Amino acid sequence: MSIQTNLIDELEDVLGSKHVARRAEVLRKVTDLFVLGSGKFSEDQIELFDSVMGRLLENIEFAARAQFGSRIAKLSDAPRNVVRVLACDSAIEVAGPLLTHSERLDEGVLVESAKTQSQDHLLAISNRKVLVEAVTDVLVERGNNSVVTSTARNGGARFSEFGVTTLVNKACDDGDLALCVWARPDIPRQDLVKLFVDASEAVKNQLIEADPRRADTIRSMVARASDQIQTRARAGSNDFAQALDHASRLHAAGKLDETQLLAFANEGNFDKVVAALALMCDLPIGVV
């Protein structure tokens, strides 16, 4: 009680004075008091601390702001207004701990910081325990390689359709990012297929080495899809329909052999060659 009474007297003296030199020391003492009782204060008491701390933060030196921010960043009941002020600080040393750890920051503050602050600020945000889609949308669109990779590596991050598409597009020529996307269980299969198909050869080899079984599965899917596309395209072609009819009649008559196939090739007739090979080898059109 004596300590608190002395502190109140100091507060009245400091806040009533035009001098700011002693504010850092008083803020440290107020912070000690808050940290000691954290988890036991009522909302009204927290608001009172918020008001006092906010006043003490005015015009305070950089080192004191940074120290104060690091002390309250992980407190579940940290005063919201001072947390918001510190998180919006242009100095990453001040804002970083709050952006990474504070549960008292709402989605709007995180989105605004991600849209306007430095890449270091974005990197701090990317390391939060939980990241909602509205935040990851900004991080993957605006962030540099380090930010995007850190976001993709974060198991607590959730991505919208836009976010996934942006990740995949940026990963095609970036091996580290591609491996992060490749390892995430929440990336839709069709986006993994797109990543594998569009990736550079160097990145594709990294993906294969990281997970050969998944690579084989996706290669098989790509082959089947290609087969279906080719089959539909040929099936809708009048030229191919005529070529298939002609080859089928020869095949039924026992006259579709290598000599006839060579004749089709010499004619330069692609449709007849494909139809003949499909019938002779009993293979799907798309494969041929």
Protein backbone atom coordinates (compact mmCIF):
# COMPACT_ATOMS: atom_id res chain seq x y z
CA MET A 1 0.00 0.00 0.00
CA SER A 2 2.89 2.34 0.87
CA ILE A 3 4.54 1.61 -2.50
CA GLN A 4 1.29 2.33 -4.35
CA THR A 5 0.73 5.56 -2.39
CA ASN A 6 4.26 6.75 -3.19
CA LEU A 7 3.72 5.83 -6.86
CA ILE A 8 0.47 7.81 -6.99
CA ASP A 9 2.28 10.82 -5.55
CA GLU A 10 4.99 10.42 -8.21
CA LEU A 11 2.39 10.13 -10.94
CA GLU A 12 0.66 13.31 -9.87
CA ASP A 13 3.99 15.09 -9.77
CA VAL A 14 5.18 13.82 -13.18
CA LEU A 15 1.90 14.26 -15.04
CA GLY A 16 1.46 17.72 -13.61
CA SER A 17 4.93 18.77 -14.69
CA LYS A 18 6.08 19.93 -18.12
CA HIS A 19 9.28 17.93 -17.79
CA VAL A 20 9.32 14.47 -19.41
CA ALA A 21 12.73 13.25 -18.24
CA ARG A 22 11.30 11.26 -15.30
CA ARG A 23 8.44 9.68 -17.25
CA ALA A 24 10.42 6.60 -18.28
CA GLU A 25 11.25 5.73 -14.68
CA VAL A 26 7.66 6.25 -13.53
CA LEU A 27 6.38 4.22 -16.50
CA ARG A 28 8.71 1.39 -15.48
CA LYS A 29 7.24 1.42 -11.97
CA VAL A 30 3.66 1.50 -13.26
CA THR A 31 4.51 -1.38 -15.58
CA ASP A 32 6.00 -3.35 -12.67
CA LEU A 33 2.72 -2.89 -10.82
CA PHE A 34 0.64 -3.96 -13.81
CA VAL A 35 2.77 -7.03 -14.61
CA LEU A 36 2.62 -8.10 -10.96
CA GLY A 37 -1.18 -8.01 -10.93
CA SER A 38 -1.81 -9.10 -14.52
CA GLY A 39 -4.78 -11.43 -14.77
CA LYS A 40 -6.42 -10.06 -11.63
CA PHE A 41 -7.50 -6.59 -12.74
CA SER A 42 -11.06 -5.59 -13.63
CA GLU A 43 -11.80 -3.88 -16.96
CA ASP A 44 -12.13 -0.54 -15.19
CA GLN A 45 -8.72 -0.97 -13.60
CA ILE A 46 -7.17 -1.93 -16.94
CA GLU A 47 -8.69 1.19 -18.50
CA LEU A 48 -7.15 3.28 -15.74
CA PHE A 49 -3.72 1.75 -16.38
CA ASP A 50 -4.31 2.35 -20.10
CA SER A 51 -4.95 6.04 -19.51
CA VAL A 52 -1.97 6.52 -17.21
CA MET A 53 0.43 4.55 -19.40
CA GLY A 54 -0.75 6.42 -22.46
CA ARG A 55 0.00 9.76 -20.79
CA LEU A 56 3.44 8.57 -19.70
CA LEU A 57 4.27 7.35 -23.20
CA GLU A 58 3.87 10.83 -24.66
CA ASN A 59 7.24 12.14 -25.90
CA ILE A 60 9.09 9.35 -24.10
CA GLU A 61 12.46 8.24 -25.45
CA PHE A 62 12.80 5.40 -27.98
CA ALA A 63 14.58 2.91 -25.67
CA ALA A 64 11.92 3.25 -22.99
CA ARG A 65 9.11 2.68 -25.52
CA ALA A 66 10.83 -0.44 -26.82
CA GLN A 67 11.40 -1.83 -23.32
CA PHE A 68 7.80 -1.10 -22.31
CA GLY A 69 6.43 -2.78 -25.44
CA SER A 70 8.45 -5.94 -24.92
CA ARG A 71 7.21 -6.23 -21.32
CA ILE A 72 3.49 -6.05 -22.11
CA ALA A 73 3.49 -7.80 -25.51
CA LYS A 74 2.59 -11.24 -24.14
CA LEU A 75 0.15 -10.14 -21.43
CA SER A 76 -3.37 -11.35 -22.20
CA ASP A 77 -4.91 -8.31 -20.49
CA ALA A 78 -2.48 -5.63 -21.69
CA PRO A 79 -4.15 -2.21 -22.06
CA ARG A 80 -5.56 -2.06 -25.59
CA ASN A 81 -4.88 1.59 -26.44
CA VAL A 82 -1.20 1.58 -25.52
CA VAL A 83 -0.79 -1.78 -27.30
CA ARG A 84 -2.30 -0.24 -30.44
CA VAL A 85 -0.09 2.85 -30.19
CA LEU A 86 3.07 0.80 -29.80
CA ALA A 87 2.12 -1.64 -32.57
CA CYS A 88 1.72 1.28 -34.99
CA ASP A 89 5.14 2.72 -34.13
CA SER A 90 7.36 3.16 -37.18
CA ALA A 91 10.33 1.71 -35.25
CA ILE A 92 10.30 -2.10 -35.56
CA GLU A 93 12.13 -2.36 -32.21
CA VAL A 94 9.05 -0.86 -30.57
CA ALA A 95 6.29 -2.37 -32.73
CA GLY A 96 7.78 -5.82 -33.40
CA PRO A 97 7.03 -7.61 -30.10
CA LEU A 98 3.42 -6.37 -30.12
CA LEU A 99 2.84 -7.29 -33.75
CA THR A 100 4.17 -10.79 -33.17
CA HIS A 101 2.79 -11.66 -29.75
CA SER A 102 -0.01 -9.40 -28.53
CA GLU A 103 -3.47 -10.95 -28.45
CA ARG A 104 -4.93 -7.51 -27.75
CA LEU A 105 -4.51 -6.33 -31.34
CA ASP A 106 -7.63 -6.61 -33.46
CA GLU A 107 -7.77 -7.66 -37.11
CA GLY A 108 -8.19 -4.07 -38.34
CA VAL A 109 -4.94 -2.89 -36.78
CA LEU A 110 -3.03 -5.84 -38.21
CA VAL A 111 -4.44 -5.33 -41.70
CA GLU A 112 -3.68 -1.60 -41.62
CA SER A 113 -0.13 -2.23 -40.38
CA ALA A 114 0.41 -4.84 -43.09
CA LYS A 115 -0.78 -2.37 -45.72
CA THR A 116 1.29 0.62 -44.60
CA GLN A 117 4.30 -0.41 -42.52
CA SER A 118 7.77 -1.66 -43.46
CA GLN A 119 8.71 -5.17 -44.54
CA ASP A 120 10.17 -5.72 -41.06
CA HIS A 121 6.75 -4.99 -39.60
CA LEU A 122 5.16 -7.44 -42.05
CA LEU A 123 7.71 -10.08 -41.07
CA ALA A 124 6.81 -9.58 -37.40
CA ILE A 125 3.12 -10.02 -38.20
CA SER A 126 3.82 -13.16 -40.23
CA ASN A 127 5.13 -14.87 -37.08
CA ARG A 128 1.92 -14.50 -35.07
CA LYS A 129 0.41 -17.65 -33.60
CA VAL A 130 -2.78 -17.20 -35.63
CA LEU A 131 -3.25 -15.29 -38.90
CA VAL A 132 -6.69 -14.81 -40.44
CA GLU A 133 -7.32 -14.62 -44.18
CA ALA A 134 -7.74 -10.83 -44.27
CA VAL A 135 -4.21 -10.46 -42.88
CA THR A 136 -2.52 -13.15 -44.98
CA ASP A 137 -4.05 -11.66 -48.14
CA VAL A 138 -2.03 -8.49 -47.54
CA LEU A 139 1.12 -10.29 -46.39
CA VAL A 140 1.41 -12.52 -49.46
CA GLU A 141 0.54 -9.72 -51.87
CA ARG A 142 2.70 -6.93 -50.43
CA GLY A 143 5.42 -8.87 -48.63
CA ASN A 144 8.92 -9.57 -49.91
CA ASN A 145 10.30 -13.11 -50.24
CA SER A 146 11.11 -13.38 -46.53
CA VAL A 147 7.62 -12.25 -45.50
CA VAL A 148 5.77 -14.50 -47.96
CA THR A 149 7.88 -17.54 -47.07
CA SER A 150 7.45 -16.90 -43.33
CA THR A 151 3.69 -16.60 -43.81
CA ALA A 152 3.54 -19.82 -45.83
CA ARG A 153 5.58 -21.62 -43.17
CA ASN A 154 3.23 -20.48 -40.37
CA GLY A 155 0.98 -23.39 -39.39
CA GLY A 156 -1.51 -21.01 -37.81
CA ALA A 157 -2.02 -19.02 -41.01
CA ARG A 158 -5.24 -19.36 -43.00
CA PHE A 159 -5.43 -18.45 -46.67
CA SER A 160 -8.26 -17.30 -48.89
CA GLU A 161 -8.55 -18.43 -52.52
CA PHE A 162 -6.77 -15.21 -53.49
CA GLY A 163 -4.03 -15.91 -50.96
CA VAL A 164 -3.44 -19.46 -52.21
CA THR A 165 -3.33 -18.32 -55.84
CA THR A 166 -0.83 -15.59 -54.98
CA LEU A 167 1.35 -18.04 -53.04
CA VAL A 168 1.38 -20.55 -55.90
CA ASN A 169 2.23 -17.90 -58.50
CA LYS A 170 5.12 -16.58 -56.42
CA ALA A 171 6.38 -20.08 -55.59
CA CYS A 172 6.95 -21.25 -59.17
CA ASP A 173 10.47 -19.79 -59.27
CA ASP A 174 11.22 -19.75 -55.54
CA GLY A 175 12.35 -23.09 -54.14
CA ASP A 176 12.06 -22.19 -50.44
CA LEU A 177 8.55 -20.82 -50.85
CA ALA A 178 7.51 -23.71 -53.07
CA LEU A 179 8.60 -26.23 -50.42
CA CYS A 180 6.57 -24.37 -47.77
CA VAL A 181 3.47 -24.42 -49.97
CA TRP A 182 4.11 -28.06 -50.95
CA ALA A 183 4.22 -29.08 -47.28
CA ARG A 184 0.98 -27.37 -46.23
CA PRO A 185 -1.95 -29.78 -45.75
CA ASP A 186 -4.53 -27.05 -46.41
CA ILE A 187 -3.52 -26.20 -49.99
CA PRO A 188 -6.18 -27.56 -52.41
CA ARG A 189 -5.01 -30.35 -54.71
CA GLN A 190 -5.67 -28.36 -57.87
CA ASP A 191 -3.35 -25.60 -56.64
CA LEU A 192 -0.59 -28.11 -55.90
CA VAL A 193 -1.02 -29.45 -59.44
CA LYS A 194 -0.70 -25.92 -60.83
CA LEU A 195 2.43 -25.33 -58.76
CA PHE A 196 3.99 -28.57 -59.98
CA VAL A 197 3.11 -27.93 -63.64
CA ASP A 198 4.18 -24.26 -63.70
CA ALA A 199 7.30 -24.59 -61.53
CA SER A 200 10.73 -24.16 -63.06
CA GLU A 201 12.69 -27.37 -63.53
CA ALA A 202 14.92 -26.55 -60.56
CA VAL A 203 11.93 -25.98 -58.27
CA LYS A 204 10.13 -29.03 -59.62
CA ASN A 205 13.14 -31.20 -58.78
CA GLN A 206 13.12 -29.83 -55.23
CA LEU A 207 9.44 -30.74 -54.88
CA ILE A 208 10.06 -34.25 -56.17
CA GLU A 209 12.96 -34.74 -53.75
CA ALA A 210 10.90 -33.41 -50.83
CA ASP A 211 7.94 -35.73 -51.43
CA PRO A 212 8.40 -38.26 -54.26
CA ARG A 213 5.08 -39.98 -53.56
CA ARG A 214 3.08 -36.75 -53.85
CA ALA A 215 5.00 -35.84 -57.01
CA ASP A 216 4.14 -39.20 -58.58
CA THR A 217 0.47 -38.75 -57.66
CA ILE A 218 0.35 -35.30 -59.22
CA ARG A 219 2.20 -36.44 -62.35
CA SER A 220 -0.39 -39.18 -62.73
CA MET A 221 -3.20 -36.64 -62.30
CA VAL A 222 -1.65 -34.36 -64.91
CA ALA A 223 -1.31 -37.26 -67.34
CA ARG A 224 -4.95 -38.29 -66.85
CA ALA A 225 -6.14 -34.73 -67.27
CA SER A 226 -4.07 -34.34 -70.43
CA ASP A 227 -5.48 -37.61 -71.75
CA GLN A 228 -9.06 -36.44 -71.11
CA ILE A 229 -8.44 -33.07 -72.77
CA GLN A 230 -6.84 -34.67 -75.83
CA THR A 231 -9.61 -37.23 -76.10
CA ARG A 232 -12.35 -34.60 -75.90
CA ALA A 233 -10.58 -32.38 -78.41
CA ARG A 234 -10.14 -35.20 -80.90
CA ALA A 235 -13.64 -36.53 -80.35
CA GLY A 236 -15.06 -33.16 -81.33
CA SER A 237 -13.05 -32.91 -84.54
CA ASN A 238 -14.70 -33.90 -87.85
CA ASP A 239 -11.31 -34.66 -89.40
CA PHE A 240 -10.45 -37.00 -86.56
CA ALA A 241 -13.87 -38.67 -86.68
CA GLN A 242 -13.33 -39.47 -90.34
CA ALA A 243 -9.78 -40.68 -89.70
CA LEU A 244 -10.94 -42.92 -86.84
CA ASP A 245 -13.75 -44.35 -88.96
CA HIS A 246 -11.31 -45.13 -91.78
CA ALA A 247 -8.75 -46.70 -89.42
CA SER A 248 -11.47 -48.70 -87.65
CA ARG A 249 -12.68 -50.23 -90.93
CA LEU A 250 -9.12 -51.20 -91.87
CA HIS A 251 -8.60 -52.64 -88.39
CA ALA A 252 -11.80 -54.69 -88.60
CA ALA A 253 -10.69 -56.03 -91.98
CA GLY A 254 -7.28 -57.01 -90.63
CA LYS A 255 -5.52 -54.50 -92.90
CA LEU A 256 -4.29 -52.07 -90.26
CA ASP A 257 -0.61 -52.96 -89.96
CA GLU A 258 2.77 -51.24 -89.85
CA THR A 259 2.80 -50.77 -93.61
CA GLN A 260 -0.50 -48.92 -93.48
CA LEU A 261 0.70 -46.90 -90.48
CA LEU A 262 3.81 -45.88 -92.44
CA ALA A 263 1.59 -44.82 -95.32
CA PHE A 264 -0.42 -42.57 -93.02
CA ALA A 265 2.82 -41.11 -91.66
CA ASN A 266 4.15 -40.46 -95.15
CA GLU A 267 0.91 -38.66 -95.95
CA GLY A 268 1.59 -36.39 -92.99
CA ASN A 269 -1.90 -37.20 -91.69
CA PHE A 270 -1.63 -36.78 -87.92
CA ASP A 271 -5.24 -37.80 -87.21
CA LYS A 272 -4.92 -41.09 -89.11
CA VAL A 273 -1.60 -41.89 -87.39
CA VAL A 274 -3.11 -41.25 -83.93
CA ALA A 275 -6.25 -43.29 -84.68
CA ALA A 276 -4.21 -46.16 -86.10
CA LEU A 277 -1.78 -46.27 -83.16
CA ALA A 278 -4.65 -46.14 -80.67
CA LEU A 279 -6.33 -49.13 -82.32
CA MET A 280 -3.15 -51.14 -82.94
CA CYS A 281 -1.75 -50.62 -79.42
CA ASP A 282 -5.08 -50.55 -77.57
CA LEU A 283 -4.18 -47.21 -75.99
CA PRO A 284 -6.32 -44.16 -75.16
CA ILE A 285 -6.32 -41.39 -77.77
CA GLY A 286 -4.87 -38.88 -75.28
CA VAL A 287 -1.87 -41.06 -74.50
CA VAL A 288 -1.05 -41.52 -78.19
